[in-house]
N, C-alpha and C. Protein backbone atom coordinates (compact mmCIF):
# COMPACT_ATOMS: atom_id res chain seq x y z
N MET A 1 46.27 22.03 69.44
CA MET A 1 46.12 20.98 70.77
C MET A 1 46.40 20.95 71.82
N SER A 2 45.25 21.05 72.83
CA SER A 2 45.17 22.02 74.01
C SER A 2 46.56 21.14 74.91
N GLN A 3 46.77 21.53 76.49
CA GLN A 3 47.71 21.16 76.78
C GLN A 3 46.96 20.54 77.61
N ARG A 4 45.52 20.00 78.00
CA ARG A 4 44.94 18.35 78.50
C ARG A 4 45.30 17.68 77.77
N ASP A 5 45.15 17.65 76.19
CA ASP A 5 45.34 17.05 75.35
C ASP A 5 46.60 16.21 75.39
N SER A 6 47.46 17.13 75.35
CA SER A 6 48.69 16.73 75.47
C SER A 6 49.49 15.49 76.35
N GLN A 7 48.88 16.27 77.53
CA GLN A 7 49.63 15.30 78.72
C GLN A 7 48.77 13.73 78.70
N HIS A 8 47.74 13.49 77.59
CA HIS A 8 47.41 11.91 77.39
C HIS A 8 47.85 11.18 76.40
N GLU A 9 48.99 11.64 75.64
CA GLU A 9 49.34 11.73 74.61
C GLU A 9 50.28 10.44 75.23
N LEU A 10 50.68 9.21 74.08
CA LEU A 10 52.14 8.72 74.53
C LEU A 10 53.41 9.28 73.68
N ASP A 11 54.13 9.19 74.41
CA ASP A 11 55.03 9.94 74.65
C ASP A 11 56.35 8.61 73.47
N GLY A 12 56.69 8.60 72.15
CA GLY A 12 57.08 7.43 71.78
C GLY A 12 58.25 7.39 71.79
N ARG A 13 59.27 8.44 72.34
CA ARG A 13 60.83 8.35 72.75
C ARG A 13 60.75 6.93 73.87
N VAL A 14 59.75 7.69 75.21
CA VAL A 14 59.77 6.90 76.54
C VAL A 14 59.19 5.55 76.33
N VAL A 15 58.36 5.69 75.40
CA VAL A 15 57.70 3.71 74.97
C VAL A 15 59.07 2.86 74.58
N GLY A 16 59.48 3.63 73.25
CA GLY A 16 60.24 3.17 72.83
C GLY A 16 61.66 2.66 73.94
N GLU A 17 61.90 3.42 74.51
CA GLU A 17 63.06 2.81 75.13
C GLU A 17 62.83 1.74 76.22
N ALA A 18 61.52 2.10 76.57
CA ALA A 18 61.06 0.60 77.52
C ALA A 18 61.16 -0.18 76.78
N ILE A 19 60.89 -0.13 75.42
CA ILE A 19 60.58 -1.29 74.91
C ILE A 19 61.79 -1.96 74.75
N ARG A 20 62.78 -1.30 74.18
CA ARG A 20 64.34 -1.73 73.97
C ARG A 20 65.01 -2.27 74.92
N ARG A 21 65.00 -1.84 76.52
CA ARG A 21 65.11 -2.31 77.72
C ARG A 21 64.67 -3.35 77.84
N ALA A 22 63.38 -3.79 78.02
CA ALA A 22 62.83 -4.68 78.22
C ALA A 22 62.83 -5.81 77.39
N ARG A 23 62.96 -5.55 76.25
CA ARG A 23 63.71 -6.81 75.14
C ARG A 23 64.92 -7.54 75.15
N LYS A 24 65.87 -6.35 75.49
CA LYS A 24 67.27 -7.03 76.47
C LYS A 24 67.50 -7.55 77.68
N GLU A 25 66.30 -7.34 78.35
CA GLU A 25 66.20 -7.50 79.97
C GLU A 25 65.80 -9.37 79.30
N ALA A 26 64.88 -9.38 78.63
CA ALA A 26 64.22 -10.74 77.76
C ALA A 26 65.24 -11.86 77.49
N GLY A 27 66.30 -11.24 76.77
CA GLY A 27 67.80 -12.04 75.86
C GLY A 27 67.19 -12.14 74.44
N LEU A 28 65.94 -11.03 73.60
CA LEU A 28 65.70 -11.13 72.71
C LEU A 28 65.97 -10.17 71.78
N SER A 29 66.58 -10.41 70.37
CA SER A 29 66.74 -9.58 69.24
C SER A 29 65.74 -8.68 69.18
N ASN A 30 65.76 -7.45 67.88
CA ASN A 30 65.41 -7.28 67.69
C ASN A 30 64.59 -7.82 66.70
N ALA A 31 65.17 -8.63 66.06
CA ALA A 31 64.53 -9.99 65.06
C ALA A 31 63.65 -10.91 65.82
N GLY A 32 63.98 -11.43 66.79
CA GLY A 32 63.52 -12.04 67.89
C GLY A 32 62.33 -11.43 68.43
N LEU A 33 61.51 -10.36 68.59
CA LEU A 33 60.97 -9.83 69.29
C LEU A 33 60.06 -9.64 67.97
N ALA A 34 60.33 -9.11 67.07
CA ALA A 34 59.68 -8.82 65.40
C ALA A 34 58.86 -10.35 65.32
N ARG A 35 59.26 -11.21 65.67
CA ARG A 35 58.91 -12.86 65.01
C ARG A 35 58.13 -13.00 66.49
N ALA A 36 58.06 -12.62 67.24
CA ALA A 36 56.98 -13.18 68.61
C ALA A 36 55.78 -12.54 67.91
N LEU A 37 55.86 -11.06 67.89
CA LEU A 37 54.69 -9.83 67.51
C LEU A 37 54.08 -10.22 66.41
N SER A 38 54.62 -11.20 65.15
CA SER A 38 54.37 -10.95 63.66
C SER A 38 54.31 -9.59 63.13
N VAL A 39 55.79 -9.03 63.90
CA VAL A 39 55.74 -7.57 62.95
C VAL A 39 57.22 -7.71 62.16
N GLY A 40 57.72 -7.17 61.30
CA GLY A 40 58.66 -6.59 60.54
C GLY A 40 59.75 -6.19 61.40
N GLU A 41 61.06 -6.23 61.64
CA GLU A 41 61.82 -6.05 62.50
C GLU A 41 62.18 -4.81 62.41
N ARG A 42 61.96 -4.02 60.96
CA ARG A 42 61.85 -2.51 60.90
C ARG A 42 61.42 -1.63 61.73
N THR A 43 60.11 -2.62 62.47
CA THR A 43 58.98 -1.98 62.99
C THR A 43 59.25 -1.88 64.24
N VAL A 44 60.20 -2.80 64.89
CA VAL A 44 60.36 -2.66 66.07
C VAL A 44 61.62 -1.76 66.36
N THR A 45 62.76 -1.82 65.43
CA THR A 45 63.58 -0.37 65.52
C THR A 45 62.79 0.80 65.88
N ARG A 46 61.97 0.98 64.92
CA ARG A 46 61.21 2.33 65.08
C ARG A 46 60.46 2.74 66.10
N TRP A 47 59.86 1.37 66.48
CA TRP A 47 59.61 1.45 67.80
C TRP A 47 60.31 2.24 68.78
N GLN A 48 61.48 1.43 68.77
CA GLN A 48 62.58 1.68 70.27
C GLN A 48 63.41 3.01 69.82
N ALA A 49 63.14 3.63 68.48
CA ALA A 49 63.97 4.88 67.99
C ALA A 49 62.57 5.95 68.25
N GLY A 50 61.33 5.82 68.66
CA GLY A 50 60.42 6.74 69.07
C GLY A 50 59.89 7.22 67.64
N VAL A 51 59.85 6.51 66.73
CA VAL A 51 59.41 6.97 65.45
C VAL A 51 58.38 6.87 65.22
N LEU A 52 58.13 5.05 65.54
CA LEU A 52 56.73 4.79 65.57
C LEU A 52 56.35 4.74 67.54
N THR A 53 54.73 4.69 67.27
CA THR A 53 54.48 4.78 68.59
C THR A 53 53.47 3.44 68.38
N PRO A 54 53.29 2.33 69.01
CA PRO A 54 52.85 1.08 68.66
C PRO A 54 51.29 1.23 69.47
N SER A 55 50.39 0.74 68.40
CA SER A 55 48.84 0.76 69.18
C SER A 55 48.87 0.42 70.36
N LEU A 56 48.04 0.84 71.09
CA LEU A 56 47.43 0.38 73.12
C LEU A 56 47.61 -1.51 72.12
N PRO A 57 47.06 -2.19 71.72
CA PRO A 57 46.50 -3.85 71.26
C PRO A 57 47.78 -4.12 71.27
N ARG A 58 48.97 -3.39 70.16
CA ARG A 58 50.17 -3.80 70.09
C ARG A 58 50.92 -3.41 71.25
N LEU A 59 50.78 -2.63 72.14
CA LEU A 59 51.24 -2.45 73.58
C LEU A 59 51.35 -3.60 74.67
N TYR A 60 49.69 -4.24 74.17
CA TYR A 60 49.37 -5.21 75.20
C TYR A 60 49.86 -6.17 75.02
N ALA A 61 50.25 -7.00 73.87
CA ALA A 61 50.80 -7.51 72.98
C ALA A 61 52.38 -8.12 73.50
N ILE A 62 53.01 -6.14 73.16
CA ILE A 62 54.39 -6.48 73.77
C ILE A 62 55.02 -6.59 75.11
N ALA A 63 53.92 -5.96 76.12
CA ALA A 63 53.78 -6.21 77.34
C ALA A 63 54.13 -7.51 77.35
N GLN A 64 53.02 -8.33 76.86
CA GLN A 64 52.40 -10.04 77.34
C GLN A 64 53.98 -10.56 77.19
N THR A 65 54.39 -10.67 75.60
CA THR A 65 55.50 -11.07 75.31
C THR A 65 56.98 -10.96 76.07
N LEU A 66 56.81 -9.81 76.43
CA LEU A 66 58.31 -9.18 76.86
C LEU A 66 57.96 -8.96 78.91
N ASN A 67 56.85 -9.86 79.20
CA ASN A 67 56.83 -10.10 80.87
C ASN A 67 56.48 -8.66 81.61
N LYS A 68 56.35 -7.73 80.87
CA LYS A 68 55.98 -6.36 81.75
C LYS A 68 54.89 -6.21 81.80
N PRO A 69 54.56 -5.64 82.97
CA PRO A 69 52.48 -4.63 82.35
C PRO A 69 52.75 -3.39 82.06
N VAL A 70 51.87 -3.12 81.28
CA VAL A 70 51.54 -2.00 80.05
C VAL A 70 52.32 -0.88 81.04
N ALA A 71 52.33 -0.64 82.23
CA ALA A 71 52.33 0.26 82.94
C ALA A 71 53.86 0.93 82.94
N TYR A 72 54.80 -0.06 82.48
CA TYR A 72 56.01 -0.29 82.42
C TYR A 72 56.51 0.68 80.79
N PHE A 73 55.93 0.49 80.31
CA PHE A 73 56.05 1.18 79.04
C PHE A 73 55.75 2.48 78.43
N LEU A 74 54.63 2.88 79.79
CA LEU A 74 54.06 4.71 80.00
C LEU A 74 55.22 5.32 80.55
N GLU A 75 55.61 4.45 81.78
CA GLU A 75 56.69 5.78 82.65
C GLU A 75 57.62 6.31 82.48
N LEU A 76 57.96 7.59 82.95
CA LEU A 76 59.36 8.17 82.24
C LEU A 76 60.78 7.65 83.16
N GLU A 77 60.15 6.95 84.32
CA GLU A 77 61.12 6.47 85.23
C GLU A 77 61.92 5.45 84.24
N ASN A 78 61.23 4.80 83.32
CA ASN A 78 62.00 3.77 82.82
C ASN A 78 62.79 4.14 81.53
N ALA A 79 62.72 5.00 81.09
CA ALA A 79 63.64 5.54 80.14
C ALA A 79 65.04 6.49 80.03
N ALA A 80 64.80 6.47 81.58
CA ALA A 80 66.34 7.88 82.17
C ALA A 80 67.56 6.68 82.24
């Protein structure tokens, strides 16, 4: 993979940390977010750990559910 390609990949850890923060700000448990998105609780846990990265359509649904812009989940500052 070229350096240019790697610049456009989603960093699962960044996305996962942003999901965790936004979920907590929204007052939702992992189970509550999972229900809202029609996914398993383990999937939410794995997203937050950076083990899995949600697809872009799923990320859009997460953003809508947590009342955040999609960009919130892609910015490094959110994981700090």
